[in-house]
PDB file of N, CA and C in Angstrom:
ATOM      1  N   UNK A   1    -135.259-141.987-123.520  1.00  0.00           N
ATOM      2  CA  UNK A   1    -136.726-142.278-124.545  1.00  0.00           C
ATOM      3  C   UNK A   1    -137.455-142.512-123.484  1.00  0.00           C
ATOM      4  N   UNK A   2    -139.006-142.154-124.166  1.00  0.00           N
ATOM      5  CA  UNK A   2    -140.175-141.706-123.332  1.00  0.00           C
ATOM      6  C   UNK A   2    -141.126-142.670-124.300  1.00  0.00           C
ATOM      7  N   UNK A   3    -141.832-143.667-123.325  1.00  0.00           N
ATOM      8  CA  UNK A   3    -143.119-144.620-124.466  1.00  0.00           C
ATOM      9  C   UNK A   3    -144.017-144.534-123.590  1.00  0.00           C
ATOM     10  N   UNK A   4    -145.434-144.475-123.911  1.00  0.00           N
ATOM     11  CA  UNK A   4    -146.400-144.763-122.974  1.00  0.00           C
ATOM     12  C   UNK A   4    -146.475-144.458-121.736  1.00  0.00           C
ATOM     13  N   UNK A   5    -146.156-142.423-121.386  1.00  0.00           N
ATOM     14  CA  UNK A   5    -146.176-141.888-120.493  1.00  0.00           C
ATOM     15  C   UNK A   5    -144.967-142.270-119.073  1.00  0.00           C
ATOM     16  N   UNK A   6    -143.786-143.379-119.646  1.00  0.00           N
ATOM     17  CA  UNK A   6    -142.769-143.821-118.710  1.00  0.00           C
ATOM     18  C   UNK A   6    -141.408-143.058-119.300  1.00  0.00           C
ATOM     19  N   UNK A   7    -140.205-143.022-118.569  1.00  0.00           N
ATOM     20  CA  UNK A   7    -139.426-142.709-119.152  1.00  0.00           C
ATOM     21  C   UNK A   7    -138.320-144.125-118.915  1.00  0.00           C
ATOM     22  N   UNK A   8    -137.534-144.366-120.121  1.00  0.00           N
ATOM     23  CA  UNK A   8    -136.703-145.379-119.843  1.00  0.00           C
ATOM     24  C   UNK A   8    -135.549-145.334-120.579  1.00  0.00           C
ATOM     25  N   UNK A   9    -134.525-145.963-119.787  1.00  0.00           N
ATOM     26  CA  UNK A   9    -133.151-145.510-120.410  1.00  0.00           C
ATOM     27  C   UNK A   9    -132.919-146.404-121.765  1.00  0.00           C
ATOM     28  N   UNK A  10    -132.490-146.188-122.800  1.00  0.00           N
ATOM     29  CA  UNK A  10    -132.319-146.621-123.710  1.00  0.00           C
ATOM     30  C   UNK A  10    -131.372-148.238-123.869  1.00  0.00           C
ATOM     31  N   UNK A  11    -130.319-148.027-122.983  1.00  0.00           N
ATOM     32  CA  UNK A  11    -129.393-148.993-122.845  1.00  0.00           C
ATOM     33  C   UNK A  11    -129.911-150.119-122.020  1.00  0.00           C
ATOM     34  N   UNK A  12    -130.887-149.618-121.490  1.00  0.00           N
ATOM     35  CA  UNK A  12    -131.605-150.627-120.556  1.00  0.00           C
ATOM     36  C   UNK A  12    -132.924-151.486-121.202  1.00  0.00           C
ATOM     37  N   UNK A  13    -133.372-150.765-122.016  1.00  0.00           N
ATOM     38  CA  UNK A  13    -134.559-151.050-122.822  1.00  0.00           C
ATOM     39  C   UNK A  13    -133.942-151.975-123.702  1.00  0.00           C
ATOM     40  N   UNK A  14    -133.429-152.252-124.480  1.00  0.00           N
ATOM     41  CA  UNK A  14    -132.745-152.899-125.494  1.00  0.00           C
ATOM     42  C   UNK A  14    -131.821-153.579-125.541  1.00  0.00           C
ATOM     43  N   UNK A  15    -131.387-155.196-124.922  1.00  0.00           N
ATOM     44  CA  UNK A  15    -129.985-155.459-124.261  1.00  0.00           C
ATOM     45  C   UNK A  15    -130.024-156.181-125.759  1.00  0.00           C
ATOM     46  N   UNK A  16    -128.479-156.214-126.232  1.00  0.00           N
ATOM     47  CA  UNK A  16    -128.278-157.045-127.515  1.00  0.00           C
ATOM     48  C   UNK A  16    -127.841-158.626-126.844  1.00  0.00           C
ATOM     49  N   UNK A  17    -128.512-159.433-127.800  1.00  0.00           N
ATOM     50  CA  UNK A  17    -128.541-160.908-127.829  1.00  0.00           C
ATOM     51  C   UNK A  17    -127.710-161.509-129.225  1.00  0.00           C
ATOM     52  N   UNK A  18    -126.909-161.940-129.321  1.00  0.00           N
ATOM     53  CA  UNK A  18    -125.947-162.227-130.465  1.00  0.00           C
ATOM     54  C   UNK A  18    -125.283-160.680-131.108  1.00  0.00           C
ATOM     55  N   UNK A  19    -124.862-161.205-132.141  1.00  0.00           N
ATOM     56  CA  UNK A  19    -124.277-159.855-132.630  1.00  0.00           C
ATOM     57  C   UNK A  19    -126.154-158.985-133.635  1.00  0.00           C
ATOM     58  N   UNK A  20    -126.719-159.480-134.063  1.00  0.00           N
ATOM     59  CA  UNK A  20    -127.795-158.759-134.658  1.00  0.00           C
ATOM     60  C   UNK A  20    -129.186-158.718-133.692  1.00  0.00           C
ATOM     61  N   UNK A  21    -129.370-159.457-132.451  1.00  0.00           N
ATOM     62  CA  UNK A  21    -131.246-159.586-132.365  1.00  0.00           C
ATOM     63  C   UNK A  21    -130.534-158.725-130.759  1.00  0.00           C
ATOM     64  N   UNK A  22    -131.762-157.931-130.640  1.00  0.00           N
ATOM     65  CA  UNK A  22    -132.335-157.146-129.241  1.00  0.00           C
ATOM     66  C   UNK A  22    -133.552-157.132-129.198  1.00  0.00           C
ATOM     67  N   UNK A  23    -133.537-157.154-127.337  1.00  0.00           N
ATOM     68  CA  UNK A  23    -134.487-157.904-127.083  1.00  0.00           C
ATOM     69  C   UNK A  23    -135.053-156.580-125.679  1.00  0.00           C
ATOM     70  N   UNK A  24    -136.392-156.516-125.626  1.00  0.00           N
ATOM     71  CA  UNK A  24    -137.039-155.782-124.807  1.00  0.00           C
ATOM     72  C   UNK A  24    -138.058-156.607-123.942  1.00  0.00           C
ATOM     73  N   UNK A  25    -138.240-155.689-122.504  1.00  0.00           N
ATOM     74  CA  UNK A  25    -139.381-156.422-121.670  1.00  0.00           C
ATOM     75  C   UNK A  25    -140.381-155.003-122.408  1.00  0.00           C
ATOM     76  N   UNK A  26    -141.729-155.637-122.708  1.00  0.00           N
ATOM     77  CA  UNK A  26    -142.416-154.498-123.022  1.00  0.00           C
ATOM     78  C   UNK A  26    -143.675-154.074-122.018  1.00  0.00           C
ATOM     79  N   UNK A  27    -144.396-152.950-122.108  1.00  0.00           N
ATOM     80  CA  UNK A  27    -145.164-152.644-121.190  1.00  0.00           C
ATOM     81  C   UNK A  27    -145.964-153.625-120.141  1.00  0.00           C
ATOM     82  N   UNK A  28    -146.070-155.371-121.083  1.00  0.00           N
ATOM     83  CA  UNK A  28    -147.148-155.922-120.319  1.00  0.00           C
ATOM     84  C   UNK A  28    -145.992-156.886-119.669  1.00  0.00           C
ATOM     85  N   UNK A  29    -144.862-156.964-119.561  1.00  0.00           N
ATOM     86  CA  UNK A  29    -143.956-157.433-118.538  1.00  0.00           C
ATOM     87  C   UNK A  29    -143.383-159.001-119.557  1.00  0.00           C
ATOM     88  N   UNK A  30    -143.801-158.892-120.753  1.00  0.00           N
ATOM     89  CA  UNK A  30    -143.276-159.993-121.586  1.00  0.00           C
ATOM     90  C   UNK A  30    -141.974-159.165-122.120  1.00  0.00           C
ATOM     91  N   UNK A  31    -141.269-160.848-122.580  1.00  0.00           N
ATOM     92  CA  UNK A  31    -140.152-160.408-123.368  1.00  0.00           C
ATOM     93  C   UNK A  31    -140.177-160.274-124.999  1.00  0.00           C
ATOM     94  N   UNK A  32    -139.696-159.564-125.361  1.00  0.00           N
ATOM     95  CA  UNK A  32    -139.686-159.195-127.011  1.00  0.00           C
ATOM     96  C   UNK A  32    -138.296-159.247-127.630  1.00  0.00           C
ATOM     97  N   UNK A  33    -138.035-159.930-129.103  1.00  0.00           N
ATOM     98  CA  UNK A  33    -136.892-160.057-129.663  1.00  0.00           C
ATOM     99  C   UNK A  33    -136.784-159.017-130.765  1.00  0.00           C
ATOM    100  N   UNK A  34    -136.300-158.479-131.147  1.00  0.00           N
ATOM    101  CA  UNK A  34    -135.840-158.128-132.723  1.00  0.00           C
ATOM    102  C   UNK A  34    -135.164-159.098-133.336  1.00  0.00           C
ATOM    103  N   UNK A  35    -135.508-159.429-134.373  1.00  0.00           N
ATOM    104  CA  UNK A  35    -134.356-160.048-135.707  1.00  0.00           C
ATOM    105  C   UNK A  35    -133.887-159.191-136.430  1.00  0.00           C
ATOM    106  N   UNK A  36    -132.730-158.715-135.982  1.00  0.00           N
ATOM    107  CA  UNK A  36    -132.263-157.854-137.356  1.00  0.00           C
ATOM    108  C   UNK A  36    -131.114-158.655-138.254  1.00  0.00           C
ATOM    109  N   UNK A  37    -131.351-158.399-139.195  1.00  0.00           N
ATOM    110  CA  UNK A  37    -130.764-159.078-140.602  1.00  0.00           C
ATOM    111  C   UNK A  37    -130.183-157.969-141.627  1.00  0.00           C
ATOM    112  N   UNK A  38    -129.560-158.410-142.562  1.00  0.00           N
ATOM    113  CA  UNK A  38    -129.230-157.309-143.472  1.00  0.00           C
ATOM    114  C   UNK A  38    -130.539-156.931-144.307  1.00  0.00           C
ATOM    115  N   UNK A  39    -131.161-157.986-144.470  1.00  0.00           N
ATOM    116  CA  UNK A  39    -132.239-157.413-145.449  1.00  0.00           C
ATOM    117  C   UNK A  39    -133.357-157.315-144.792  1.00  0.00           C
ATOM    118  N   UNK A  40    -133.996-157.553-143.670  1.00  0.00           N
ATOM    119  CA  UNK A  40    -134.962-157.572-142.770  1.00  0.00           C
ATOM    120  C   UNK A  40    -135.059-157.657-141.827  1.00  0.00           C
ATOM    121  N   UNK A  41    -136.111-157.471-140.878  1.00  0.00           N
ATOM    122  CA  UNK A  41    -136.114-157.731-139.467  1.00  0.00           C
ATOM    123  C   UNK A  41    -137.287-157.810-139.161  1.00  0.00           C
ATOM    124  N   UNK A  42    -137.590-158.487-137.715  1.00  0.00           N
ATOM    125  CA  UNK A  42    -138.932-158.756-137.403  1.00  0.00           C
ATOM    126  C   UNK A  42    -139.058-159.084-135.857  1.00  0.00           C
ATOM    127  N   UNK A  43    -140.093-158.465-135.140  1.00  0.00           N
ATOM    128  CA  UNK A  43    -140.387-158.474-133.700  1.00  0.00           C
ATOM    129  C   UNK A  43    -141.532-159.955-133.444  1.00  0.00           C
ATOM    130  N   UNK A  44    -140.504-160.559-132.384  1.00  0.00           N
ATOM    131  CA  UNK A  44    -141.249-161.789-131.761  1.00  0.00           C
ATOM    132  C   UNK A  44    -141.718-161.422-130.526  1.00  0.00           C
ATOM    133  N   UNK A  45    -142.509-162.484-129.923  1.00  0.00           N
ATOM    134  CA  UNK A  45    -142.674-162.427-128.598  1.00  0.00           C
ATOM    135  C   UNK A  45    -141.626-163.386-128.208  1.00  0.00           C
ATOM    136  N   UNK A  46    -141.026-163.292-127.462  1.00  0.00           N
ATOM    137  CA  UNK A  46    -139.869-164.749-127.153  1.00  0.00           C
ATOM    138  C   UNK A  46    -140.704-165.932-126.768  1.00  0.00           C
ATOM    139  N   UNK A  47    -141.575-165.791-125.618  1.00  0.00           N
ATOM    140  CA  UNK A  47    -142.235-166.635-125.304  1.00  0.00           C
ATOM    141  C   UNK A  47    -143.439-167.907-126.090  1.00  0.00           C
ATOM    142  N   UNK A  48    -143.902-166.737-127.070  1.00  0.00           N
ATOM    143  CA  UNK A  48    -144.795-167.914-128.115  1.00  0.00           C
ATOM    144  C   UNK A  48    -144.238-167.791-129.266  1.00  0.00           C
ATOM    145  N   UNK A  49    -143.058-166.991-129.724  1.00  0.00           N
ATOM    146  CA  UNK A  49    -142.609-166.825-131.191  1.00  0.00           C
ATOM    147  C   UNK A  49    -143.321-166.030-132.112  1.00  0.00           C
ATOM    148  N   UNK A  50    -144.533-165.768-131.514  1.00  0.00           N
ATOM    149  CA  UNK A  50    -145.642-165.147-132.328  1.00  0.00           C
ATOM    150  C   UNK A  50    -144.886-163.470-133.194  1.00  0.00           C
ATOM    151  N   UNK A  51    -145.111-163.418-134.642  1.00  0.00           N
ATOM    152  CA  UNK A  51    -144.575-162.396-135.303  1.00  0.00           C
ATOM    153  C   UNK A  51    -145.391-161.240-134.948  1.00  0.00           C
ATOM    154  N   UNK A  52    -145.022-160.123-133.999  1.00  0.00           N
ATOM    155  CA  UNK A  52    -145.803-158.850-133.858  1.00  0.00           C
ATOM    156  C   UNK A  52    -145.151-157.538-135.309  1.00  0.00           C
ATOM    157  N   UNK A  53    -144.624-157.694-135.514  1.00  0.00           N
ATOM    158  CA  UNK A  53    -143.632-156.491-136.706  1.00  0.00           C
ATOM    159  C   UNK A  53    -142.895-157.293-137.363  1.00  0.00           C
ATOM    160  N   UNK A  54    -143.002-156.521-138.456  1.00  0.00           N
ATOM    161  CA  UNK A  54    -141.890-157.133-139.698  1.00  0.00           C
ATOM    162  C   UNK A  54    -141.818-155.581-140.331  1.00  0.00           C
ATOM    163  N   UNK A  55    -140.182-155.463-140.496  1.00  0.00           N
ATOM    164  CA  UNK A  55    -139.809-154.281-141.432  1.00  0.00           C
ATOM    165  C   UNK A  55    -139.760-155.316-142.917  1.00  0.00           C
ATOM    166  N   UNK A  56    -140.311-154.165-143.861  1.00  0.00           N
ATOM    167  CA  UNK A  56    -139.829-154.371-145.367  1.00  0.00           C
ATOM    168  C   UNK A  56    -139.220-153.145-145.752  1.00  0.00           C
ATOM    169  N   UNK A  57    -138.040-153.738-146.242  1.00  0.00           N
ATOM    170  CA  UNK A  57    -136.998-152.411-147.267  1.00  0.00           C
ATOM    171  C   UNK A  57    -138.112-152.287-148.499  1.00  0.00           C
ATOM    172  N   UNK A  58    -137.328-151.296-148.966  1.00  0.00           N
ATOM    173  CA  UNK A  58    -137.725-150.601-150.223  1.00  0.00           C
ATOM    174  C   UNK A  58    -137.467-151.880-151.035  1.00  0.00           C
ATOM    175  N   UNK A  59    -138.664-151.630-152.427  1.00  0.00           N
ATOM    176  CA  UNK A  59    -138.447-152.657-153.185  1.00  0.00           C
ATOM    177  C   UNK A  59    -138.197-151.980-154.934  1.00  0.00           C
ATOM    178  N   UNK A  60    -137.482-152.110-155.499  1.00  0.00           N
ATOM    179  CA  UNK A  60    -137.218-151.236-156.662  1.00  0.00           C
ATOM    180  C   UNK A  60    -138.443-151.887-157.982  1.00  0.00           C
ATOM    181  N   UNK A  61    -138.801-152.936-157.445  1.00  0.00           N
ATOM    182  CA  UNK A  61    -139.867-153.140-158.604  1.00  0.00           C
ATOM    183  C   UNK A  61    -139.124-154.179-159.576  1.00  0.00           C
ATOM    184  N   UNK A  62    -138.129-155.471-159.674  1.00  0.00           N
ATOM    185  CA  UNK A  62    -137.653-155.706-160.602  1.00  0.00           C
ATOM    186  C   UNK A  62    -137.944-157.319-160.399  1.00  0.00           C
ATOM    187  N   UNK A  63    -138.275-157.563-159.351  1.00  0.00           N
ATOM    188  CA  UNK A  63    -138.979-158.872-159.221  1.00  0.00           C
ATOM    189  C   UNK A  63    -140.320-159.183-158.737  1.00  0.00           C
ATOM    190  N   UNK A  64    -140.720-158.019-157.945  1.00  0.00           N
ATOM    191  CA  UNK A  64    -142.585-157.728-157.663  1.00  0.00           C
ATOM    192  C   UNK A  64    -142.839-156.195-157.864  1.00  0.00           C
ATOM    193  N   UNK A  65    -144.019-156.119-157.579  1.00  0.00           N
ATOM    194  CA  UNK A  65    -144.237-154.434-157.581  1.00  0.00           C
ATOM    195  C   UNK A  65    -143.220-153.990-156.487  1.00  0.00           C
ATOM    196  N   UNK A  66    -142.833-152.791-156.545  1.00  0.00           N
ATOM    197  CA  UNK A  66    -142.042-151.730-155.920  1.00  0.00           C
ATOM    198  C   UNK A  66    -143.121-151.278-155.026  1.00  0.00           C
ATOM    199  N   UNK A  67    -142.641-150.679-153.614  1.00  0.00           N
ATOM    200  CA  UNK A  67    -142.897-150.200-152.430  1.00  0.00           C
ATOM    201  C   UNK A  67    -142.019-149.645-152.002  1.00  0.00           C
ATOM    202  N   UNK A  68    -142.303-148.272-151.567  1.00  0.00           N
ATOM    203  CA  UNK A  68    -141.339-147.838-150.122  1.00  0.00           C
ATOM    204  C   UNK A  68    -141.213-148.516-148.773  1.00  0.00           C
ATOM    205  N   UNK A  69    -140.459-148.558-148.175  1.00  0.00           N
ATOM    206  CA  UNK A  69    -139.969-149.331-147.191  1.00  0.00           C
ATOM    207  C   UNK A  69    -141.139-149.092-145.956  1.00  0.00           C
ATOM    208  N   UNK A  70    -141.521-149.993-145.513  1.00  0.00           N
ATOM    209  CA  UNK A  70    -142.509-149.675-144.426  1.00  0.00           C
ATOM    210  C   UNK A  70    -142.294-150.752-143.079  1.00  0.00           C
ATOM    211  N   UNK A  71    -143.012-150.837-141.956  1.00  0.00           N
ATOM    212  CA  UNK A  71    -143.054-151.250-140.822  1.00  0.00           C
ATOM    213  C   UNK A  71    -144.099-151.423-140.850  1.00  0.00           C
ATOM    214  N   UNK A  72    -144.537-152.856-140.856  1.00  0.00           N
ATOM    215  CA  UNK A  72    -145.930-154.243-140.779  1.00  0.00           C
ATOM    216  C   UNK A  72    -146.160-154.379-139.115  1.00  0.00           C
ATOM    217  N   UNK A  73    -147.158-153.612-138.556  1.00  0.00           N
ATOM    218  CA  UNK A  73    -147.455-154.242-137.280  1.00  0.00           C
ATOM    219  C   UNK A  73    -148.256-154.695-136.977  1.00  0.00           C
ATOM    220  N   UNK A  74    -148.800-156.290-136.282  1.00  0.00           N
ATOM    221  CA  UNK A  74    -149.821-156.797-136.465  1.00  0.00           C
ATOM    222  C   UNK A  74    -150.799-156.165-135.127  1.00  0.00           C
ATOM    223  N   UNK A  75    -152.154-156.231-135.565  1.00  0.00           N
ATOM    224  CA  UNK A  75    -153.094-155.499-135.145  1.00  0.00           C
ATOM    225  C   UNK A  75    -153.456-155.832-133.303  1.00  0.00           C
ATOM    226  N   UNK A  76    -152.781-157.327-132.899  1.00  0.00           N
ATOM    227  CA  UNK A  76    -152.861-157.638-131.479  1.00  0.00           C
ATOM    228  C   UNK A  76    -151.684-156.643-131.145  1.00  0.00           C
ATOM    229  N   UNK A  77    -150.931-156.355-131.658  1.00  0.00           N
ATOM    230  CA  UNK A  77    -149.858-155.346-131.011  1.00  0.00           C
ATOM    231  C   UNK A  77    -149.999-153.598-130.697  1.00  0.00           C
ATOM    232  N   UNK A  78    -151.019-153.401-131.436  1.00  0.00           N
ATOM    233  CA  UNK A  78    -151.396-152.055-131.204  1.00  0.00           C
ATOM    234  C   UNK A  78    -151.260-151.066-129.782  1.00  0.00           C
ATOM    235  N   UNK A  79    -151.720-152.303-128.607  1.00  0.00           N
ATOM    236  CA  UNK A  79    -151.438-151.500-127.516  1.00  0.00           C
ATOM    237  C   UNK A  79    -149.875-151.120-127.185  1.00  0.00           C
ATOM    238  N   UNK A  80    -149.125-151.855-127.711  1.00  0.00           N
ATOM    239  CA  UNK A  80    -147.825-151.298-127.628  1.00  0.00           C
ATOM    240  C   UNK A  80    -146.606-150.572-128.820  1.00  0.00           C
ATOM    241  N   UNK A  81    -147.613-150.124-129.001  1.00  0.00           N
ATOM    242  CA  UNK A  81    -147.447-149.583-130.914  1.00  0.00           C
ATOM    243  C   UNK A  81    -146.194-148.654-130.468  1.00  0.00           C
ATOM    244  N   UNK A  82    -145.746-147.673-129.559  1.00  0.00           N
ATOM    245  CA  UNK A  82    -145.029-146.761-129.093  1.00  0.00           C
ATOM    246  C   UNK A  82    -143.631-147.197-128.759  1.00  0.00           C
ATOM    247  N   UNK A  83    -143.706-148.381-128.216  1.00  0.00           N
ATOM    248  CA  UNK A  83    -142.659-149.407-127.580  1.00  0.00           C
ATOM    249  C   UNK A  83    -142.309-150.151-129.224  1.00  0.00           C
ATOM    250  N   UNK A  84    -142.637-150.665-130.233  1.00  0.00           N
ATOM    251  CA  UNK A  84    -142.196-151.282-131.204  1.00  0.00           C
ATOM    252  C   UNK A  84    -141.860-150.138-132.282  1.00  0.00           C
ATOM    253  N   UNK A  85    -142.406-149.033-132.372  1.00  0.00           N
ATOM    254  CA  UNK A  85    -141.678-147.850-133.100  1.00  0.00           C
ATOM    255  C   UNK A  85    -140.563-147.427-132.422  1.00  0.00           C
ATOM    256  N   UNK A  86    -140.332-147.171-131.386  1.00  0.00           N
ATOM    257  CA  UNK A  86    -139.306-146.492-130.699  1.00  0.00           C
ATOM    258  C   UNK A  86    -137.877-147.400-130.549  1.00  0.00           C
ATOM    259  N   UNK A  87    -138.317-149.030-130.369  1.00  0.00           N
ATOM    260  CA  UNK A  87    -137.560-150.182-130.358  1.00  0.00           C
ATOM    261  C   UNK A  87    -137.061-150.391-131.604  1.00  0.00           C
ATOM    262  N   UNK A  88    -138.004-150.124-132.833  1.00  0.00           N
ATOM    263  CA  UNK A  88    -137.181-150.457-133.960  1.00  0.00           C
ATOM    264  C   UNK A  88    -136.246-149.640-134.376  1.00  0.00           C
ATOM    265  N   UNK A  89    -136.654-148.301-134.069  1.00  0.00           N
ATOM    266  CA  UNK A  89    -135.614-147.298-134.479  1.00  0.00           C
ATOM    267  C   UNK A  89    -134.163-147.369-134.105  1.00  0.00           C
ATOM    268  N   UNK A  90    -134.376-147.730-132.667  1.00  0.00           N
ATOM    269  CA  UNK A  90    -132.904-147.583-132.179  1.00  0.00           C
ATOM    270  C   UNK A  90    -132.166-149.267-132.449  1.00  0.00           C
ATOM    271  N   UNK A  91    -133.154-150.264-132.522  1.00  0.00           N
ATOM    272  CA  UNK A  91    -132.375-151.195-132.879  1.00  0.00           C
ATOM    273  C   UNK A  91    -131.588-151.400-134.119  1.00  0.00           C
ATOM    274  N   UNK A  92    -132.658-150.664-135.216  1.00  0.00           N
ATOM    275  CA  UNK A  92    -132.012-150.524-136.826  1.00  0.00           C
ATOM    276  C   UNK A  92    -130.792-149.260-136.900  1.00  0.00           C
ATOM    277  N   UNK A  93    -130.977-148.539-136.123  1.00  0.00           N
ATOM    278  CA  UNK A  93    -129.607-147.732-135.984  1.00  0.00           C
ATOM    279  C   UNK A  93    -128.208-148.458-135.016  1.00  0.00           C
ATOM    280  N   UNK A  94    -128.492-149.247-134.158  1.00  0.00           N
ATOM    281  CA  UNK A  94    -127.223-150.019-133.631  1.00  0.00           C
ATOM    282  C   UNK A  94    -126.729-151.116-134.679  1.00  0.00           C
ATOM    283  N   UNK A  95    -127.838-151.625-135.336  1.00  0.00           N
ATOM    284  CA  UNK A  95    -127.278-152.529-136.427  1.00  0.00           C
ATOM    285  C   UNK A  95    -126.922-151.688-137.727  1.00  0.00           C
ATOM    286  N   UNK A  96    -127.161-150.751-137.923  1.00  0.00           N
ATOM    287  CA  UNK A  96    -126.492-149.939-139.575  1.00  0.00           C
ATOM    288  C   UNK A  96    -125.416-149.076-138.759  1.00  0.00           C
ATOM    289  N   UNK A  97    -124.773-148.739-137.669  1.00  0.00           N
ATOM    290  CA  UNK A  97    -123.835-148.292-136.980  1.00  0.00           C
ATOM    291  C   UNK A  97    -122.759-149.746-136.851  1.00  0.00           C
ATOM    292  N   UNK A  98    -123.365-150.849-136.620  1.00  0.00           N
ATOM    293  CA  UNK A  98    -122.279-151.870-137.021  1.00  0.00           C
ATOM    294  C   UNK A  98    -121.596-152.085-137.821  1.00  0.00           C
ATOM    295  N   UNK A  99    -122.752-152.794-139.130  1.00  0.00           N
ATOM    296  CA  UNK A  99    -122.614-152.769-140.408  1.00  0.00           C
ATOM    297  C   UNK A  99    -121.286-151.736-141.037  1.00  0.00           C
ATOM    298  N   UNK A 100    -121.644-150.386-140.834  1.00  0.00           N
ATOM    299  CA  UNK A 100    -120.726-149.313-140.797  1.00  0.00           C
ATOM    300  C   UNK A 100    -119.115-149.372-140.122  1.00  0.00           C
ATOM    301  N   UNK A 101    -119.490-149.603-139.302  1.00  0.00           N
ATOM    302  CA  UNK A 101    -117.941-150.179-138.347  1.00  0.00           C
ATOM    303  C   UNK A 101    -116.959-151.592-139.210  1.00  0.00           C
ATOM    304  N   UNK A 102    -118.039-152.313-139.294  1.00  0.00           N
ATOM    305  CA  UNK A 102    -117.250-153.996-139.751  1.00  0.00           C
ATOM    306  C   UNK A 102    -117.060-153.094-141.398  1.00  0.00           C
ATOM    307  N   UNK A 103    -117.899-152.236-141.858  1.00  0.00           N
ATOM    308  CA  UNK A 103    -117.193-151.935-143.391  1.00  0.00           C
ATOM    309  C   UNK A 103    -116.040-151.326-142.910  1.00  0.00           C
ATOM    310  N   UNK A 104    -115.916-150.612-142.514  1.00  0.00           N
ATOM    311  CA  UNK A 104    -114.687-149.750-142.475  1.00  0.00           C
ATOM    312  C   UNK A 104    -113.593-150.409-142.235  1.00  0.00           C
ATOM    313  N   UNK A 105    -113.650-151.387-141.324  1.00  0.00           N
ATOM    314  CA  UNK A 105    -112.832-151.988-140.430  1.00  0.00           C
ATOM    315  C   UNK A 105    -112.333-153.272-141.262  1.00  0.00           C
ATOM    316  N   UNK A 106    -112.941-153.405-142.673  1.00  0.00           N
ATOM    317  CA  UNK A 106    -112.835-154.495-143.669  1.00  0.00           C
ATOM    318  C   UNK A 106    -112.181-153.424-144.683  1.00  0.00           C
ATOM    319  N   UNK A 107    -111.992-152.456-144.878  1.00  0.00           N
ATOM    320  CA  UNK A 107    -111.568-151.517-145.918  1.00  0.00           C
ATOM    321  C   UNK A 107    -112.948-151.128-147.092  1.00  0.00           C
ATOM    322  N   UNK A 108    -113.812-151.564-146.959  1.00  0.00           N
ATOM    323  CA  UNK A 108    -115.020-150.972-147.573  1.00  0.00           C
ATOM    324  C   UNK A 108    -115.637-150.138-147.365  1.00  0.00           C
TER     325      UNK A 108
END
């Protein structure tokens, strides 16, 4: 995986925490954590707890206005946008793989 002119091994970039959280060290040396849940996920700075990005899943418009899925990124995190997008895609893929494996093992 390559981001901001440096190549990083994906396995070492995102370290699993618990079953659904992934952490990584950003280009600024700070630690960040993706909190991955079935319905949403968010990225927070570990030290401050400040939310830097949040995934909004598709909304069909039953209880609120409909919208396509999107990743909302704080303007304060734009300098590491490449890391946010790459780690989100990788972490979400790992989360989906885990959910599929759980469904298969439970016969669903």
